[in-house]
């Protein structure tokens, strides 16, 4: 039986607004800059043919809004799960959720928060472009995307250091 190549897209939510300091963290919306960056990243995902089969997203306001903007640009809508467990989840919690919720998707987008998303990207990507791996290790800015591929049959088989970083993209990398 041939091993399947599965693609994991790890996306940090776009820049949130701090205009209303009384809002609870979970309910903070996107800032204008965040909305613009989410549109830019959505266009990149579309132009590169990276549309996932399935999306797992934190249920916070800023991750929902990021997902809605990014996915709204695409030609089709994938299956989306809004998960409270992804809100401020650690890398290990995210890894567990991927294994449990990834299903049969060959391409999976996980939308979450720092530091969990960035730490997970760094521990999973054992190989790939050295310069992009170094940039990702240094900082995982808002609306940044790590594209990591694995040779696995099921998401439960995902393992630390076994992924290949295909690309690490920050909004500033896409600015014209």
C-alpha atoms as a PDB file:
ATOM      1  CA  UNK A   1       0.000   0.000   0.000  1.00  0.00           C
ATOM      2  CA  UNK A   2       1.414   3.385  -1.030  1.00  0.00           C
ATOM      3  CA  UNK A   3       1.936   6.018   1.635  1.00  0.00           C
ATOM      4  CA  UNK A   4      -0.121   9.160   1.115  1.00  0.00           C
ATOM      5  CA  UNK A   5       1.337  12.647   1.079  1.00  0.00           C
ATOM      6  CA  UNK A   6      -0.718  14.796   3.423  1.00  0.00           C
ATOM      7  CA  UNK A   7      -0.413  18.572   3.517  1.00  0.00           C
ATOM      8  CA  UNK A   8      -0.816  20.543   6.728  1.00  0.00           C
ATOM      9  CA  UNK A   9      -1.354  24.286   6.542  1.00  0.00           C
ATOM     10  CA  UNK A  10      -0.808  26.059   9.858  1.00  0.00           C
ATOM     11  CA  UNK A  11      -2.183  29.595   9.810  1.00  0.00           C
ATOM     12  CA  UNK A  12      -1.968  32.111  12.618  1.00  0.00           C
ATOM     13  CA  UNK A  13      -4.989  34.407  12.884  1.00  0.00           C
ATOM     14  CA  UNK A  14      -4.712  37.905  11.392  1.00  0.00           C
ATOM     15  CA  UNK A  15      -3.915  41.019  13.441  1.00  0.00           C
ATOM     16  CA  UNK A  16      -6.616  41.740  16.000  1.00  0.00           C
ATOM     17  CA  UNK A  17      -7.955  45.062  17.170  1.00  0.00           C
ATOM     18  CA  UNK A  18      -7.187  46.461  20.600  1.00  0.00           C
ATOM     19  CA  UNK A  19      -9.501  49.473  20.141  1.00  0.00           C
ATOM     20  CA  UNK A  20     -11.850  48.279  22.884  1.00  0.00           C
ATOM     21  CA  UNK A  21      -9.686  47.324  25.864  1.00  0.00           C
ATOM     22  CA  UNK A  22     -12.764  46.088  27.741  1.00  0.00           C
ATOM     23  CA  UNK A  23     -13.399  43.223  25.307  1.00  0.00           C
ATOM     24  CA  UNK A  24     -12.499  39.755  26.490  1.00  0.00           C
ATOM     25  CA  UNK A  25      -9.575  38.264  24.556  1.00  0.00           C
ATOM     26  CA  UNK A  26     -11.806  35.603  22.982  1.00  0.00           C
ATOM     27  CA  UNK A  27     -14.113  38.247  21.473  1.00  0.00           C
ATOM     28  CA  UNK A  28     -11.508  40.617  19.977  1.00  0.00           C
ATOM     29  CA  UNK A  29     -12.226  41.219  16.251  1.00  0.00           C
ATOM     30  CA  UNK A  30      -9.740  41.780  13.459  1.00  0.00           C
ATOM     31  CA  UNK A  31      -8.112  45.144  12.904  1.00  0.00           C
ATOM     32  CA  UNK A  32      -8.290  46.702   9.433  1.00  0.00           C
ATOM     33  CA  UNK A  33      -4.664  45.671   8.863  1.00  0.00           C
ATOM     34  CA  UNK A  34      -5.629  42.115   9.809  1.00  0.00           C
ATOM     35  CA  UNK A  35      -8.512  42.045   7.347  1.00  0.00           C
ATOM     36  CA  UNK A  36      -6.194  43.218   4.571  1.00  0.00           C
ATOM     37  CA  UNK A  37      -3.567  40.607   5.456  1.00  0.00           C
ATOM     38  CA  UNK A  38      -6.206  37.842   5.559  1.00  0.00           C
ATOM     39  CA  UNK A  39      -7.372  38.807   2.064  1.00  0.00           C
ATOM     40  CA  UNK A  40      -3.786  38.752   0.821  1.00  0.00           C
ATOM     41  CA  UNK A  41      -3.186  35.312   2.330  1.00  0.00           C
ATOM     42  CA  UNK A  42      -6.483  34.036   0.942  1.00  0.00           C
ATOM     43  CA  UNK A  43      -5.440  35.163  -2.540  1.00  0.00           C
ATOM     44  CA  UNK A  44      -2.079  33.421  -2.098  1.00  0.00           C
ATOM     45  CA  UNK A  45      -3.749  30.167  -1.023  1.00  0.00           C
ATOM     46  CA  UNK A  46      -6.047  30.345  -4.042  1.00  0.00           C
ATOM     47  CA  UNK A  47      -3.283  31.235  -6.525  1.00  0.00           C
ATOM     48  CA  UNK A  48      -1.104  28.352  -5.314  1.00  0.00           C
ATOM     49  CA  UNK A  49      -3.916  25.781  -5.389  1.00  0.00           C
ATOM     50  CA  UNK A  50      -3.590  25.169  -1.648  1.00  0.00           C
ATOM     51  CA  UNK A  51      -7.285  25.043  -0.772  1.00  0.00           C
ATOM     52  CA  UNK A  52      -7.637  22.446   1.995  1.00  0.00           C
ATOM     53  CA  UNK A  53     -10.202  19.649   2.171  1.00  0.00           C
ATOM     54  CA  UNK A  54     -10.877  20.385   5.817  1.00  0.00           C
ATOM     55  CA  UNK A  55     -10.403  23.305   8.225  1.00  0.00           C
ATOM     56  CA  UNK A  56     -10.008  23.141  11.985  1.00  0.00           C
ATOM     57  CA  UNK A  57     -10.204  26.581  13.574  1.00  0.00           C
ATOM     58  CA  UNK A  58     -10.202  28.084  17.027  1.00  0.00           C
ATOM     59  CA  UNK A  59     -13.624  29.465  17.835  1.00  0.00           C
ATOM     60  CA  UNK A  60     -12.353  32.926  18.851  1.00  0.00           C
ATOM     61  CA  UNK A  61     -13.736  35.939  17.008  1.00  0.00           C
ATOM     62  CA  UNK A  62     -10.404  36.802  15.330  1.00  0.00           C
ATOM     63  CA  UNK A  63      -9.783  33.254  14.070  1.00  0.00           C
ATOM     64  CA  UNK A  64     -13.355  32.955  12.780  1.00  0.00           C
ATOM     65  CA  UNK A  65     -13.037  36.266  10.936  1.00  0.00           C
ATOM     66  CA  UNK A  66      -9.648  35.266   9.507  1.00  0.00           C
ATOM     67  CA  UNK A  67     -11.085  31.950   8.298  1.00  0.00           C
ATOM     68  CA  UNK A  68     -14.161  33.604   6.797  1.00  0.00           C
ATOM     69  CA  UNK A  69     -12.030  36.063   4.812  1.00  0.00           C
ATOM     70  CA  UNK A  70      -9.457  33.486   3.656  1.00  0.00           C
ATOM     71  CA  UNK A  71     -12.077  30.888   2.727  1.00  0.00           C
ATOM     72  CA  UNK A  72     -14.466  33.420   1.190  1.00  0.00           C
ATOM     73  CA  UNK A  73     -11.953  34.065  -1.593  1.00  0.00           C
ATOM     74  CA  UNK A  74     -11.709  30.392  -2.567  1.00  0.00           C
ATOM     75  CA  UNK A  75     -13.609  28.633  -5.346  1.00  0.00           C
ATOM     76  CA  UNK A  76     -15.152  26.096  -2.992  1.00  0.00           C
ATOM     77  CA  UNK A  77     -15.877  25.871   0.721  1.00  0.00           C
ATOM     78  CA  UNK A  78     -14.202  23.050   2.644  1.00  0.00           C
ATOM     79  CA  UNK A  79     -15.577  21.374   5.737  1.00  0.00           C
ATOM     80  CA  UNK A  80     -14.972  23.732   8.702  1.00  0.00           C
ATOM     81  CA  UNK A  81     -14.965  22.846  12.414  1.00  0.00           C
ATOM     82  CA  UNK A  82     -14.934  25.648  15.023  1.00  0.00           C
ATOM     83  CA  UNK A  83     -13.177  24.164  18.039  1.00  0.00           C
ATOM     84  CA  UNK A  84     -13.012  25.698  21.503  1.00  0.00           C
ATOM     85  CA  UNK A  85     -10.073  23.366  22.181  1.00  0.00           C
ATOM     86  CA  UNK A  86      -7.911  25.256  19.676  1.00  0.00           C
ATOM     87  CA  UNK A  87      -8.320  28.558  21.509  1.00  0.00           C
ATOM     88  CA  UNK A  88      -4.866  29.342  22.942  1.00  0.00           C
ATOM     89  CA  UNK A  89      -3.962  25.641  22.635  1.00  0.00           C
ATOM     90  CA  UNK A  90      -0.401  24.435  23.132  1.00  0.00           C
ATOM     91  CA  UNK A  91       1.472  22.779  20.282  1.00  0.00           C
ATOM     92  CA  UNK A  92       0.816  19.371  21.847  1.00  0.00           C
ATOM     93  CA  UNK A  93      -2.895  20.050  22.232  1.00  0.00           C
ATOM     94  CA  UNK A  94      -3.068  21.110  18.572  1.00  0.00           C
ATOM     95  CA  UNK A  95      -1.183  17.966  17.528  1.00  0.00           C
ATOM     96  CA  UNK A  96      -3.694  15.819  19.421  1.00  0.00           C
ATOM     97  CA  UNK A  97      -6.624  17.645  17.801  1.00  0.00           C
ATOM     98  CA  UNK A  98      -5.104  17.128  14.334  1.00  0.00           C
ATOM     99  CA  UNK A  99      -4.803  13.393  14.995  1.00  0.00           C
ATOM    100  CA  UNK A 100      -8.350  13.144  16.324  1.00  0.00           C
ATOM    101  CA  UNK A 101     -10.118  15.535  13.928  1.00  0.00           C
ATOM    102  CA  UNK A 102      -8.091  15.439  10.693  1.00  0.00           C
ATOM    103  CA  UNK A 103     -10.227  12.665   9.296  1.00  0.00           C
ATOM    104  CA  UNK A 104      -9.523  11.583   5.733  1.00  0.00           C
ATOM    105  CA  UNK A 105      -8.472  15.036   4.507  1.00  0.00           C
ATOM    106  CA  UNK A 106      -5.383  14.970   2.320  1.00  0.00           C
ATOM    107  CA  UNK A 107      -4.976  18.693   2.973  1.00  0.00           C
ATOM    108  CA  UNK A 108      -5.798  20.177   6.365  1.00  0.00           C
ATOM    109  CA  UNK A 109      -5.788  23.842   7.439  1.00  0.00           C
ATOM    110  CA  UNK A 110      -5.460  24.550  11.157  1.00  0.00           C
ATOM    111  CA  UNK A 111      -6.105  28.126  12.210  1.00  0.00           C
ATOM    112  CA  UNK A 112      -4.977  29.150  15.665  1.00  0.00           C
ATOM    113  CA  UNK A 113      -2.913  31.275  17.990  1.00  0.00           C
ATOM    114  CA  UNK A 114       0.619  31.864  19.176  1.00  0.00           C
ATOM    115  CA  UNK A 115       2.591  30.388  20.673  1.00  0.00           C
ATOM    116  CA  UNK A 116       0.954  27.025  19.864  1.00  0.00           C
ATOM    117  CA  UNK A 117       0.815  27.345  16.068  1.00  0.00           C
ATOM    118  CA  UNK A 118       4.402  28.567  15.726  1.00  0.00           C
ATOM    119  CA  UNK A 119       5.842  26.026  18.138  1.00  0.00           C
ATOM    120  CA  UNK A 120       3.990  23.215  16.367  1.00  0.00           C
ATOM    121  CA  UNK A 121       5.216  24.320  12.932  1.00  0.00           C
ATOM    122  CA  UNK A 122       8.783  24.395  14.190  1.00  0.00           C
ATOM    123  CA  UNK A 123       8.723  20.990  15.873  1.00  0.00           C
ATOM    124  CA  UNK A 124       6.995  19.256  12.961  1.00  0.00           C
ATOM    125  CA  UNK A 125       9.178  20.643  10.151  1.00  0.00           C
ATOM    126  CA  UNK A 126      12.289  18.483  10.320  1.00  0.00           C
ATOM    127  CA  UNK A 127      13.368  19.295   6.768  1.00  0.00           C
ATOM    128  CA  UNK A 128      12.788  21.976   4.162  1.00  0.00           C
ATOM    129  CA  UNK A 129      14.197  25.313   3.081  1.00  0.00           C
ATOM    130  CA  UNK A 130      16.750  26.301   5.733  1.00  0.00           C
ATOM    131  CA  UNK A 131      16.194  30.054   5.344  1.00  0.00           C
ATOM    132  CA  UNK A 132      12.420  29.707   5.707  1.00  0.00           C
ATOM    133  CA  UNK A 133      12.806  27.344   8.675  1.00  0.00           C
ATOM    134  CA  UNK A 134      15.099  29.895  10.350  1.00  0.00           C
ATOM    135  CA  UNK A 135      12.617  32.729   9.675  1.00  0.00           C
ATOM    136  CA  UNK A 136       9.772  30.635  11.065  1.00  0.00           C
ATOM    137  CA  UNK A 137      11.795  29.792  14.175  1.00  0.00           C
ATOM    138  CA  UNK A 138      12.613  33.456  14.761  1.00  0.00           C
ATOM    139  CA  UNK A 139       9.015  34.697  14.577  1.00  0.00           C
ATOM    140  CA  UNK A 140       5.602  33.449  13.417  1.00  0.00           C
ATOM    141  CA  UNK A 141       3.782  36.767  12.768  1.00  0.00           C
ATOM    142  CA  UNK A 142       0.021  37.199  12.487  1.00  0.00           C
ATOM    143  CA  UNK A 143      -1.461  35.799   9.257  1.00  0.00           C
ATOM    144  CA  UNK A 144       1.661  33.723   8.604  1.00  0.00           C
ATOM    145  CA  UNK A 145       1.275  30.332   6.945  1.00  0.00           C
ATOM    146  CA  UNK A 146       3.456  27.233   7.275  1.00  0.00           C
ATOM    147  CA  UNK A 147       2.914  24.555   4.633  1.00  0.00           C
ATOM    148  CA  UNK A 148       4.244  21.201   5.826  1.00  0.00           C
ATOM    149  CA  UNK A 149       3.965  17.849   4.049  1.00  0.00           C
ATOM    150  CA  UNK A 150       4.046  14.387   5.595  1.00  0.00           C
ATOM    151  CA  UNK A 151       4.256  10.899   4.132  1.00  0.00           C
ATOM    152  CA  UNK A 152       1.588   9.310   6.301  1.00  0.00           C
ATOM    153  CA  UNK A 153      -1.583   7.308   5.805  1.00  0.00           C
ATOM    154  CA  UNK A 154      -3.524   8.896   8.661  1.00  0.00           C
ATOM    155  CA  UNK A 155      -3.256  12.136  10.615  1.00  0.00           C
ATOM    156  CA  UNK A 156      -2.776  10.055  13.775  1.00  0.00           C
ATOM    157  CA  UNK A 157       0.672   9.134  12.378  1.00  0.00           C
ATOM    158  CA  UNK A 158       1.916  12.734  12.329  1.00  0.00           C
ATOM    159  CA  UNK A 159       5.207  12.918  14.258  1.00  0.00           C
ATOM    160  CA  UNK A 160       7.662  15.507  15.512  1.00  0.00           C
ATOM    161  CA  UNK A 161      10.436  16.234  13.006  1.00  0.00           C
ATOM    162  CA  UNK A 162       8.884  14.117  10.248  1.00  0.00           C
ATOM    163  CA  UNK A 163       7.409  16.933   8.164  1.00  0.00           C
ATOM    164  CA  UNK A 164       8.960  18.780   5.257  1.00  0.00           C
ATOM    165  CA  UNK A 165       8.456  22.547   5.283  1.00  0.00           C
ATOM    166  CA  UNK A 166       7.310  23.341   1.759  1.00  0.00           C
ATOM    167  CA  UNK A 167       6.909  27.052   2.388  1.00  0.00           C
ATOM    168  CA  UNK A 168       6.696  29.617   5.171  1.00  0.00           C
ATOM    169  CA  UNK A 169       4.828  32.712   4.028  1.00  0.00           C
ATOM    170  CA  UNK A 170       4.316  35.962   5.917  1.00  0.00           C
ATOM    171  CA  UNK A 171       2.028  38.759   4.716  1.00  0.00           C
ATOM    172  CA  UNK A 172       5.055  40.982   4.085  1.00  0.00           C
ATOM    173  CA  UNK A 173       6.446  38.322   1.711  1.00  0.00           C
ATOM    174  CA  UNK A 174       3.344  38.798  -0.440  1.00  0.00           C
ATOM    175  CA  UNK A 175       3.297  42.604  -0.443  1.00  0.00           C
ATOM    176  CA  UNK A 176       3.694  43.924  -3.967  1.00  0.00           C
END
